[in-house]
Amino acid sequence: MVVEKDGKLLLIERKIFPLTYAFSAGHVDEGETYEQAAVRELKEEVGLDTVSMELFAEGRVENPCSRPEGTWHYWKVYKMQTAGEVKPSEEEAKQALWLTREEIKNLPPPGFEPIMFEWYQEHGII
């Protein structure tokens, strides 16, 4: 999910694999739509409520998945309008950060998750 405020994007520094910076994201659980998963993951990872959302980009991404026999993901990226205070998940995030696109490009190691960075850059998000 892409959350933007005052020209900055909301990222988390992950506590779980892969240990990188990333936009809030997650898997669609059984019985969920992509939209329901986006709302749930945003609330779980950074404590924000969804006011509205707009599908921005989608496509298959060839990268390893933590699920059995997973070698790819199908991504749907939403621009989210949110409400509430950012509160990073104690289980999933070391911290949440508001960063400019330039700051994202210059993150120190481990940096922005490479596959996510490339795909989001290709789609004009960063």
Protein backbone atom coordinates (compact mmCIF):
# COMPACT_ATOMS: atom_id res chain seq x y z
CA MET A 1 0.00 0.00 0.00
CA VAL A 2 1.19 3.49 -0.78
CA VAL A 3 0.40 6.07 1.88
CA GLU A 4 1.55 9.62 1.15
CA LYS A 5 1.41 12.69 3.35
CA ASP A 6 3.03 16.07 2.74
CA GLY A 7 5.14 14.67 -0.11
CA LYS A 8 6.48 11.79 1.99
CA LEU A 9 5.75 8.06 1.75
CA LEU A 10 5.15 5.76 4.70
CA LEU A 11 7.59 2.85 5.01
CA ILE A 12 8.26 0.28 7.67
CA GLU A 13 11.57 -1.23 8.69
CA ARG A 14 10.71 -4.91 8.89
CA LYS A 15 11.35 -7.13 11.90
CA ILE A 16 10.68 -10.29 9.88
CA PHE A 17 12.10 -11.61 6.60
CA PRO A 18 13.06 -9.93 4.43
CA LEU A 19 14.77 -7.55 6.87
CA THR A 20 14.54 -4.42 4.73
CA TYR A 21 12.54 -1.22 4.44
CA ALA A 22 9.28 -1.59 2.55
CA PHE A 23 5.79 -0.27 1.99
CA SER A 24 3.14 -2.04 4.05
CA ALA A 25 2.21 -5.21 2.21
CA GLY A 26 1.01 -8.73 2.80
CA HIS A 27 -0.64 -11.86 1.53
CA VAL A 28 -4.31 -12.25 0.76
CA ASP A 29 -5.79 -14.75 3.20
CA GLU A 30 -8.31 -17.40 2.19
CA GLY A 31 -11.75 -15.88 1.68
CA GLU A 32 -10.39 -12.32 1.42
CA THR A 33 -10.35 -9.95 -1.53
CA TYR A 34 -7.22 -7.97 -2.36
CA GLU A 35 -8.98 -4.87 -1.07
CA GLN A 36 -9.86 -6.50 2.26
CA ALA A 37 -6.27 -7.72 2.63
CA ALA A 38 -4.93 -4.22 1.94
CA VAL A 39 -7.16 -2.68 4.63
CA ARG A 40 -6.26 -5.43 7.12
CA GLU A 41 -2.50 -5.31 6.45
CA LEU A 42 -2.34 -1.53 6.72
CA LYS A 43 -4.13 -1.66 10.09
CA GLU A 44 -1.95 -4.53 11.33
CA GLU A 45 1.39 -3.10 10.24
CA VAL A 46 1.03 0.63 10.95
CA GLY A 47 -2.27 1.05 12.83
CA LEU A 48 -3.96 3.22 10.20
CA ASP A 49 -7.60 3.06 9.20
CA THR A 50 -8.49 3.19 5.51
CA VAL A 51 -10.70 6.07 4.40
CA SER A 52 -10.48 5.28 0.69
CA MET A 53 -8.27 3.39 -1.70
CA GLU A 54 -7.46 3.42 -5.39
CA LEU A 55 -5.85 0.62 -7.39
CA PHE A 56 -2.65 2.07 -8.81
CA ALA A 57 -0.80 -0.85 -10.37
CA GLU A 58 -0.90 -4.63 -10.57
CA GLY A 59 1.06 -7.50 -12.03
CA ARG A 60 2.95 -10.73 -11.49
CA VAL A 61 6.34 -10.40 -9.81
CA GLU A 62 8.84 -13.25 -9.95
CA ASN A 63 10.28 -13.47 -6.45
CA PRO A 64 10.43 -16.05 -3.65
CA CYS A 65 7.42 -16.37 -1.41
CA SER A 66 7.28 -17.60 2.19
CA ARG A 67 4.28 -19.74 1.32
CA PRO A 68 4.85 -23.37 0.25
CA GLU A 69 6.31 -23.69 -3.26
CA GLY A 70 6.01 -19.94 -3.74
CA THR A 71 8.23 -18.51 -6.48
CA TRP A 72 6.16 -15.46 -7.42
CA HIS A 73 3.53 -12.99 -6.20
CA TYR A 74 0.66 -11.23 -7.90
CA TRP A 75 0.78 -7.66 -6.65
CA LYS A 76 -2.02 -5.16 -6.47
CA VAL A 77 -0.79 -1.78 -5.27
CA TYR A 78 -3.28 0.65 -3.76
CA LYS A 79 -2.91 4.32 -2.97
CA MET A 80 -4.52 4.62 0.44
CA GLN A 81 -6.17 7.61 2.08
CA THR A 82 -5.97 7.02 5.81
CA ALA A 83 -7.02 8.22 9.23
CA GLY A 84 -5.50 7.76 12.66
CA GLU A 85 -2.03 7.79 14.14
CA VAL A 86 0.82 5.69 12.83
CA LYS A 87 1.58 2.92 15.30
CA PRO A 88 3.99 0.27 13.98
CA SER A 89 3.23 -3.36 14.74
CA GLU A 90 5.42 -4.66 17.55
CA GLU A 91 5.55 -8.05 15.81
CA GLU A 92 6.28 -6.92 12.24
CA ALA A 93 8.01 -3.53 12.26
CA LYS A 94 11.02 -2.06 14.00
CA GLN A 95 9.75 1.41 13.07
CA ALA A 96 7.62 3.35 10.63
CA LEU A 97 9.13 6.25 8.71
CA TRP A 98 7.85 9.08 6.52
CA LEU A 99 10.43 9.52 3.76
CA THR A 100 10.74 11.50 0.56
CA ARG A 101 11.34 9.60 -2.67
CA GLU A 102 14.96 10.79 -2.62
CA GLU A 103 15.43 9.54 0.95
CA ILE A 104 14.02 6.15 -0.07
CA LYS A 105 16.57 5.90 -2.88
CA ASN A 106 19.38 6.63 -0.39
CA LEU A 107 18.41 4.38 2.52
CA PRO A 108 21.37 2.80 4.31
CA PRO A 109 21.79 -1.00 4.22
CA PRO A 110 19.75 -3.11 4.16
CA GLY A 111 17.91 -0.47 2.16
CA PHE A 112 14.58 -0.73 0.42
CA GLU A 113 13.57 -4.28 -0.53
CA PRO A 114 15.24 -4.66 -3.98
CA ILE A 115 12.42 -6.41 -5.86
CA MET A 116 9.86 -3.99 -4.43
CA PHE A 117 12.08 -0.98 -5.19
CA GLU A 118 12.57 -2.01 -8.84
CA TRP A 119 8.90 -2.77 -9.42
CA TYR A 120 7.64 0.38 -7.71
CA GLN A 121 10.17 2.49 -9.59
CA GLU A 122 9.11 0.91 -12.90
CA HIS A 123 5.49 1.86 -12.12
CA GLY A 124 6.33 5.46 -11.18
CA ILE A 125 5.61 5.17 -7.49
CA ILE A 126 9.13 6.06 -6.38
